[in-house]
């Protein structure tokens, strides 16, 4: 099983290395946006932590913006 995973990962890395850098950047950004949309639980934890630390200095709307850049 480990060998199969190794060869799949190696093939994926070689595919990414063969692509132009601009494509890789766009694919990475799209994957990041998808992860941001799907991972609601961690985003809400980040907002909660920011609120606990900075509730007197910042507004809740600013925490939402910060949480987008953290993930």
PDB file of N, CA and C in Angstrom:
ATOM      1  N   UNK A   1       0.820  -1.196   0.000  1.00  0.00           N
ATOM      2  CA  UNK A   1       0.000   0.000   0.000  1.00  0.00           C
ATOM      3  C   UNK A   1       0.866   1.263   0.000  1.00  0.00           C
ATOM      4  N   UNK A   2       1.948   1.231   0.777  1.00  0.00           N
ATOM      5  CA  UNK A   2       2.820   2.400   0.826  1.00  0.00           C
ATOM      6  C   UNK A   2       3.494   2.664  -0.514  1.00  0.00           C
ATOM      7  N   UNK A   3       3.865   1.603  -1.215  1.00  0.00           N
ATOM      8  CA  UNK A   3       4.506   1.776  -2.524  1.00  0.00           C
ATOM      9  C   UNK A   3       3.539   2.399  -3.526  1.00  0.00           C
ATOM     10  N   UNK A   4       2.290   1.976  -3.480  1.00  0.00           N
ATOM     11  CA  UNK A   4       1.285   2.544  -4.378  1.00  0.00           C
ATOM     12  C   UNK A   4       1.104   4.037  -4.094  1.00  0.00           C
ATOM     13  N   UNK A   5       0.993   4.378  -2.826  1.00  0.00           N
ATOM     14  CA  UNK A   5       0.858   5.776  -2.442  1.00  0.00           C
ATOM     15  C   UNK A   5       2.095   6.574  -2.860  1.00  0.00           C
ATOM     16  N   UNK A   6       3.258   5.991  -2.695  1.00  0.00           N
ATOM     17  CA  UNK A   6       4.512   6.639  -3.087  1.00  0.00           C
ATOM     18  C   UNK A   6       4.514   6.959  -4.576  1.00  0.00           C
ATOM     19  N   UNK A   7       4.141   5.998  -5.406  1.00  0.00           N
ATOM     20  CA  UNK A   7       4.181   6.216  -6.852  1.00  0.00           C
ATOM     21  C   UNK A   7       3.107   7.200  -7.313  1.00  0.00           C
ATOM     22  N   UNK A   8       1.953   7.178  -6.686  1.00  0.00           N
ATOM     23  CA  UNK A   8       0.907   8.150  -7.029  1.00  0.00           C
ATOM     24  C   UNK A   8       1.365   9.565  -6.663  1.00  0.00           C
ATOM     25  N   UNK A   9       1.931   9.718  -5.473  1.00  0.00           N
ATOM     26  CA  UNK A   9       2.414  11.037  -5.048  1.00  0.00           C
ATOM     27  C   UNK A   9       3.560  11.512  -5.936  1.00  0.00           C
ATOM     28  N   UNK A  10       4.463  10.601  -6.295  1.00  0.00           N
ATOM     29  CA  UNK A  10       5.588  10.962  -7.156  1.00  0.00           C
ATOM     30  C   UNK A  10       5.101  11.399  -8.539  1.00  0.00           C
ATOM     31  N   UNK A  11       4.106  10.699  -9.069  1.00  0.00           N
ATOM     32  CA  UNK A  11       3.551  11.061 -10.375  1.00  0.00           C
ATOM     33  C   UNK A  11       2.859  12.427 -10.309  1.00  0.00           C
ATOM     34  N   UNK A  12       2.149  12.681  -9.226  1.00  0.00           N
ATOM     35  CA  UNK A  12       1.483  13.964  -9.058  1.00  0.00           C
ATOM     36  C   UNK A  12       2.490  15.108  -8.969  1.00  0.00           C
ATOM     37  N   UNK A  13       3.571  14.892  -8.241  1.00  0.00           N
ATOM     38  CA  UNK A  13       4.614  15.911  -8.123  1.00  0.00           C
ATOM     39  C   UNK A  13       5.266  16.175  -9.467  1.00  0.00           C
ATOM     40  N   UNK A  14       5.539  15.123 -10.219  1.00  0.00           N
ATOM     41  CA  UNK A  14       6.140  15.311 -11.552  1.00  0.00           C
ATOM     42  C   UNK A  14       5.191  16.042 -12.502  1.00  0.00           C
ATOM     43  N   UNK A  15       3.904  15.767 -12.377  1.00  0.00           N
ATOM     44  CA  UNK A  15       2.928  16.471 -13.201  1.00  0.00           C
ATOM     45  C   UNK A  15       2.925  17.959 -12.870  1.00  0.00           C
ATOM     46  N   UNK A  16       2.934  18.281 -11.597  1.00  0.00           N
ATOM     47  CA  UNK A  16       2.945  19.689 -11.182  1.00  0.00           C
ATOM     48  C   UNK A  16       4.232  20.363 -11.641  1.00  0.00           C
ATOM     49  N   UNK A  17       5.351  19.669 -11.562  1.00  0.00           N
ATOM     50  CA  UNK A  17       6.628  20.238 -12.001  1.00  0.00           C
ATOM     51  C   UNK A  17       6.653  20.492 -13.503  1.00  0.00           C
ATOM     52  N   UNK A  18       5.882  19.751 -14.259  1.00  0.00           N
ATOM     53  CA  UNK A  18       5.864  19.910 -15.710  1.00  0.00           C
ATOM     54  C   UNK A  18       4.973  21.078 -16.157  1.00  0.00           C
ATOM     55  N   UNK A  19       4.087  21.522 -15.296  1.00  0.00           N
ATOM     56  CA  UNK A  19       3.181  22.612 -15.650  1.00  0.00           C
ATOM     57  C   UNK A  19       3.874  23.964 -15.539  1.00  0.00           C
ATOM     58  N   UNK A  20       3.412  24.946 -16.307  1.00  0.00           N
ATOM     59  CA  UNK A  20       3.940  26.306 -16.149  1.00  0.00           C
ATOM     60  C   UNK A  20       3.608  26.847 -14.754  1.00  0.00           C
ATOM     61  N   UNK A  21       4.466  27.693 -14.238  1.00  0.00           N
ATOM     62  CA  UNK A  21       4.301  28.209 -12.890  1.00  0.00           C
ATOM     63  C   UNK A  21       2.989  28.961 -12.705  1.00  0.00           C
ATOM     64  N   UNK A  22       2.557  29.691 -13.710  1.00  0.00           N
ATOM     65  CA  UNK A  22       1.293  30.436 -13.614  1.00  0.00           C
ATOM     66  C   UNK A  22       0.115  29.476 -13.424  1.00  0.00           C
ATOM     67  N   UNK A  23       0.139  28.338 -14.092  1.00  0.00           N
ATOM     68  CA  UNK A  23      -0.920  27.341 -13.941  1.00  0.00           C
ATOM     69  C   UNK A  23      -0.913  26.760 -12.533  1.00  0.00           C
ATOM     70  N   UNK A  24       0.278  26.462 -12.041  1.00  0.00           N
ATOM     71  CA  UNK A  24       0.405  25.894 -10.700  1.00  0.00           C
ATOM     72  C   UNK A  24      -0.132  26.880  -9.664  1.00  0.00           C
ATOM     73  N   UNK A  25       0.165  28.152  -9.857  1.00  0.00           N
ATOM     74  CA  UNK A  25      -0.327  29.173  -8.931  1.00  0.00           C
ATOM     75  C   UNK A  25      -1.852  29.255  -8.964  1.00  0.00           C
ATOM     76  N   UNK A  26      -2.431  29.195 -10.149  1.00  0.00           N
ATOM     77  CA  UNK A  26      -3.897  29.245 -10.258  1.00  0.00           C
ATOM     78  C   UNK A  26      -4.545  28.006  -9.645  1.00  0.00           C
ATOM     79  N   UNK A  27      -3.954  26.858  -9.894  1.00  0.00           N
ATOM     80  CA  UNK A  27      -4.494  25.619  -9.314  1.00  0.00           C
ATOM     81  C   UNK A  27      -4.392  25.671  -7.788  1.00  0.00           C
ATOM     82  N   UNK A  28      -3.270  26.152  -7.264  1.00  0.00           N
ATOM     83  CA  UNK A  28      -3.098  26.265  -5.821  1.00  0.00           C
ATOM     84  C   UNK A  28      -4.096  27.223  -5.204  1.00  0.00           C
ATOM     85  N   UNK A  29      -4.332  28.325  -5.881  1.00  0.00           N
ATOM     86  CA  UNK A  29      -5.313  29.301  -5.368  1.00  0.00           C
ATOM     87  C   UNK A  29      -6.716  28.709  -5.386  1.00  0.00           C
ATOM     88  N   UNK A  30      -7.055  27.991  -6.447  1.00  0.00           N
ATOM     89  CA  UNK A  30      -8.378  27.366  -6.531  1.00  0.00           C
ATOM     90  C   UNK A  30      -8.556  26.311  -5.435  1.00  0.00           C
ATOM     91  N   UNK A  31      -7.522  25.537  -5.173  1.00  0.00           N
ATOM     92  CA  UNK A  31      -7.590  24.541  -4.097  1.00  0.00           C
ATOM     93  C   UNK A  31      -7.711  25.216  -2.736  1.00  0.00           C
ATOM     94  N   UNK A  32      -7.048  26.338  -2.557  1.00  0.00           N
ATOM     95  CA  UNK A  32      -7.159  27.080  -1.310  1.00  0.00           C
ATOM     96  C   UNK A  32      -8.555  27.637  -1.091  1.00  0.00           C
ATOM     97  N   UNK A  33      -9.158  28.151  -2.151  1.00  0.00           N
ATOM     98  CA  UNK A  33     -10.529  28.663  -2.054  1.00  0.00           C
ATOM     99  C   UNK A  33     -11.489  27.528  -1.737  1.00  0.00           C
ATOM    100  N   UNK A  34     -11.298  26.394  -2.387  1.00  0.00           N
ATOM    101  CA  UNK A  34     -12.144  25.237  -2.120  1.00  0.00           C
ATOM    102  C   UNK A  34     -12.002  24.776  -0.669  1.00  0.00           C
ATOM    103  N   UNK A  35     -10.781  24.712  -0.167  1.00  0.00           N
ATOM    104  CA  UNK A  35     -10.562  24.323   1.229  1.00  0.00           C
ATOM    105  C   UNK A  35     -11.200  25.331   2.173  1.00  0.00           C
ATOM    106  N   UNK A  36     -11.115  26.604   1.844  1.00  0.00           N
ATOM    107  CA  UNK A  36     -11.732  27.640   2.675  1.00  0.00           C
ATOM    108  C   UNK A  36     -13.242  27.456   2.742  1.00  0.00           C
ATOM    109  N   UNK A  37     -13.848  27.145   1.628  1.00  0.00           N
ATOM    110  CA  UNK A  37     -15.298  26.971   1.584  1.00  0.00           C
ATOM    111  C   UNK A  37     -15.721  25.715   2.344  1.00  0.00           C
ATOM    112  N   UNK A  38     -14.983  24.637   2.178  1.00  0.00           N
ATOM    113  CA  UNK A  38     -15.363  23.365   2.783  1.00  0.00           C
ATOM    114  C   UNK A  38     -15.010  23.248   4.258  1.00  0.00           C
ATOM    115  N   UNK A  39     -14.055  24.010   4.746  1.00  0.00           N
ATOM    116  CA  UNK A  39     -13.555  23.847   6.105  1.00  0.00           C
ATOM    117  C   UNK A  39     -14.131  24.909   7.036  1.00  0.00           C
ATOM    118  N   UNK A  40     -15.407  24.912   7.194  1.00  0.00           N
ATOM    119  CA  UNK A  40     -16.112  25.907   8.006  1.00  0.00           C
ATOM    120  C   UNK A  40     -15.730  25.814   9.485  1.00  0.00           C
ATOM    121  N   UNK A  41     -15.522  24.600   9.979  1.00  0.00           N
ATOM    122  CA  UNK A  41     -15.249  24.419  11.404  1.00  0.00           C
ATOM    123  C   UNK A  41     -13.977  25.134  11.837  1.00  0.00           C
ATOM    124  N   UNK A  42     -12.905  24.977  11.071  1.00  0.00           N
ATOM    125  CA  UNK A  42     -11.649  25.616  11.448  1.00  0.00           C
ATOM    126  C   UNK A  42     -11.715  27.132  11.290  1.00  0.00           C
ATOM    127  N   UNK A  43     -12.483  27.588  10.307  1.00  0.00           N
ATOM    128  CA  UNK A  43     -12.648  29.030  10.132  1.00  0.00           C
ATOM    129  C   UNK A  43     -13.373  29.620  11.333  1.00  0.00           C
ATOM    130  N   UNK A  44     -14.392  28.928  11.839  1.00  0.00           N
ATOM    131  CA  UNK A  44     -15.114  29.451  13.007  1.00  0.00           C
ATOM    132  C   UNK A  44     -14.233  29.409  14.254  1.00  0.00           C
ATOM    133  N   UNK A  45     -13.362  28.417  14.381  1.00  0.00           N
ATOM    134  CA  UNK A  45     -12.416  28.377  15.505  1.00  0.00           C
ATOM    135  C   UNK A  45     -11.441  29.548  15.411  1.00  0.00           C
ATOM    136  N   UNK A  46     -10.976  29.852  14.206  1.00  0.00           N
ATOM    137  CA  UNK A  46     -10.060  30.985  14.024  1.00  0.00           C
ATOM    138  C   UNK A  46     -10.740  32.299  14.412  1.00  0.00           C
ATOM    139  N   UNK A  47     -11.988  32.462  14.014  1.00  0.00           N
ATOM    140  CA  UNK A  47     -12.725  33.679  14.371  1.00  0.00           C
ATOM    141  C   UNK A  47     -12.916  33.755  15.879  1.00  0.00           C
ATOM    142  N   UNK A  48     -13.232  32.632  16.500  1.00  0.00           N
ATOM    143  CA  UNK A  48     -13.398  32.610  17.961  1.00  0.00           C
ATOM    144  C   UNK A  48     -12.097  32.996  18.662  1.00  0.00           C
ATOM    145  N   UNK A  49     -10.982  32.439  18.215  1.00  0.00           N
ATOM    146  CA  UNK A  49      -9.686  32.758  18.827  1.00  0.00           C
ATOM    147  C   UNK A  49      -9.326  34.231  18.646  1.00  0.00           C
ATOM    148  N   UNK A  50      -9.578  34.763  17.468  1.00  0.00           N
ATOM    149  CA  UNK A  50      -9.305  36.184  17.234  1.00  0.00           C
ATOM    150  C   UNK A  50     -10.186  37.071  18.116  1.00  0.00           C
ATOM    151  N   UNK A  51     -11.434  36.659  18.296  1.00  0.00           N
ATOM    152  CA  UNK A  51     -12.336  37.423  19.153  1.00  0.00           C
ATOM    153  C   UNK A  51     -11.838  37.439  20.593  1.00  0.00           C
ATOM    154  N   UNK A  52     -11.383  36.291  21.072  1.00  0.00           N
ATOM    155  CA  UNK A  52     -10.880  36.218  22.447  1.00  0.00           C
ATOM    156  C   UNK A  52      -9.654  37.114  22.637  1.00  0.00           C
ATOM    157  N   UNK A  53      -8.802  37.180  21.641  1.00  0.00           N
ATOM    158  CA  UNK A  53      -7.556  37.947  21.775  1.00  0.00           C
ATOM    159  C   UNK A  53      -7.744  39.442  21.548  1.00  0.00           C
ATOM    160  N   UNK A  54      -8.591  39.821  20.598  1.00  0.00           N
ATOM    161  CA  UNK A  54      -8.655  41.222  20.172  1.00  0.00           C
ATOM    162  C   UNK A  54     -10.050  41.834  20.255  1.00  0.00           C
ATOM    163  N   UNK A  55     -10.919  41.321  21.105  1.00  0.00           N
ATOM    164  CA  UNK A  55     -12.301  41.804  21.111  1.00  0.00           C
ATOM    165  C   UNK A  55     -12.427  43.278  21.464  1.00  0.00           C
ATOM    166  N   UNK A  56     -11.491  43.824  22.210  1.00  0.00           N
ATOM    167  CA  UNK A  56     -11.586  45.239  22.594  1.00  0.00           C
ATOM    168  C   UNK A  56     -11.033  46.167  21.524  1.00  0.00           C
ATOM    169  N   UNK A  57     -10.183  45.649  20.646  1.00  0.00           N
ATOM    170  CA  UNK A  57      -9.533  46.501  19.651  1.00  0.00           C
ATOM    171  C   UNK A  57     -10.159  46.448  18.259  1.00  0.00           C
ATOM    172  N   UNK A  58     -10.797  45.332  17.913  1.00  0.00           N
ATOM    173  CA  UNK A  58     -11.308  45.151  16.551  1.00  0.00           C
ATOM    174  C   UNK A  58     -12.787  44.801  16.573  1.00  0.00           C
ATOM    175  N   UNK A  59     -13.434  45.005  15.425  1.00  0.00           N
ATOM    176  CA  UNK A  59     -14.854  44.674  15.296  1.00  0.00           C
ATOM    177  C   UNK A  59     -15.002  43.239  14.778  1.00  0.00           C
ATOM    178  N   UNK A  60     -16.179  42.638  14.977  1.00  0.00           N
ATOM    179  CA  UNK A  60     -16.397  41.272  14.475  1.00  0.00           C
ATOM    180  C   UNK A  60     -16.240  41.157  12.958  1.00  0.00           C
ATOM    181  N   UNK A  61     -16.565  42.204  12.220  1.00  0.00           N
ATOM    182  CA  UNK A  61     -16.403  42.162  10.764  1.00  0.00           C
ATOM    183  C   UNK A  61     -14.927  42.029  10.375  1.00  0.00           C
ATOM    184  N   UNK A  62     -14.056  42.662  11.140  1.00  0.00           N
ATOM    185  CA  UNK A  62     -12.623  42.553  10.851  1.00  0.00           C
ATOM    186  C   UNK A  62     -12.102  41.141  11.118  1.00  0.00           C
ATOM    187  N   UNK A  63     -12.687  40.456  12.094  1.00  0.00           N
ATOM    188  CA  UNK A  63     -12.274  39.085  12.367  1.00  0.00           C
ATOM    189  C   UNK A  63     -12.604  38.169  11.193  1.00  0.00           C
ATOM    190  N   UNK A  64     -13.741  38.396  10.561  1.00  0.00           N
ATOM    191  CA  UNK A  64     -14.111  37.604   9.383  1.00  0.00           C
ATOM    192  C   UNK A  64     -13.075  37.768   8.273  1.00  0.00           C
ATOM    193  N   UNK A  65     -12.643  39.005   8.062  1.00  0.00           N
ATOM    194  CA  UNK A  65     -11.632  39.273   7.019  1.00  0.00           C
ATOM    195  C   UNK A  65     -10.310  38.617   7.396  1.00  0.00           C
ATOM    196  N   UNK A  66      -9.914  38.728   8.654  1.00  0.00           N
ATOM    197  CA  UNK A  66      -8.666  38.109   9.109  1.00  0.00           C
ATOM    198  C   UNK A  66      -8.691  36.605   8.940  1.00  0.00           C
ATOM    199  N   UNK A  67      -9.825  35.982   9.274  1.00  0.00           N
ATOM    200  CA  UNK A  67      -9.939  34.524   9.189  1.00  0.00           C
ATOM    201  C   UNK A  67      -9.788  34.040   7.753  1.00  0.00           C
ATOM    202  N   UNK A  68     -10.167  34.861   6.794  1.00  0.00           N
ATOM    203  CA  UNK A  68     -10.002  34.478   5.388  1.00  0.00           C
ATOM    204  C   UNK A  68      -8.530  34.400   5.025  1.00  0.00           C
ATOM    205  N   UNK A  69      -7.695  35.264   5.597  1.00  0.00           N
ATOM    206  CA  UNK A  69      -6.295  35.285   5.241  1.00  0.00           C
ATOM    207  C   UNK A  69      -5.474  34.283   6.044  1.00  0.00           C
ATOM    208  N   UNK A  70      -5.992  33.856   7.176  1.00  0.00           N
ATOM    209  CA  UNK A  70      -5.272  32.911   8.017  1.00  0.00           C
ATOM    210  C   UNK A  70      -5.259  31.538   7.363  1.00  0.00           C
ATOM    211  N   UNK A  71      -6.371  31.119   6.787  1.00  0.00           N
ATOM    212  CA  UNK A  71      -6.474  29.757   6.295  1.00  0.00           C
ATOM    213  C   UNK A  71      -5.866  29.568   4.937  1.00  0.00           C
TER     214      UNK A  71
END
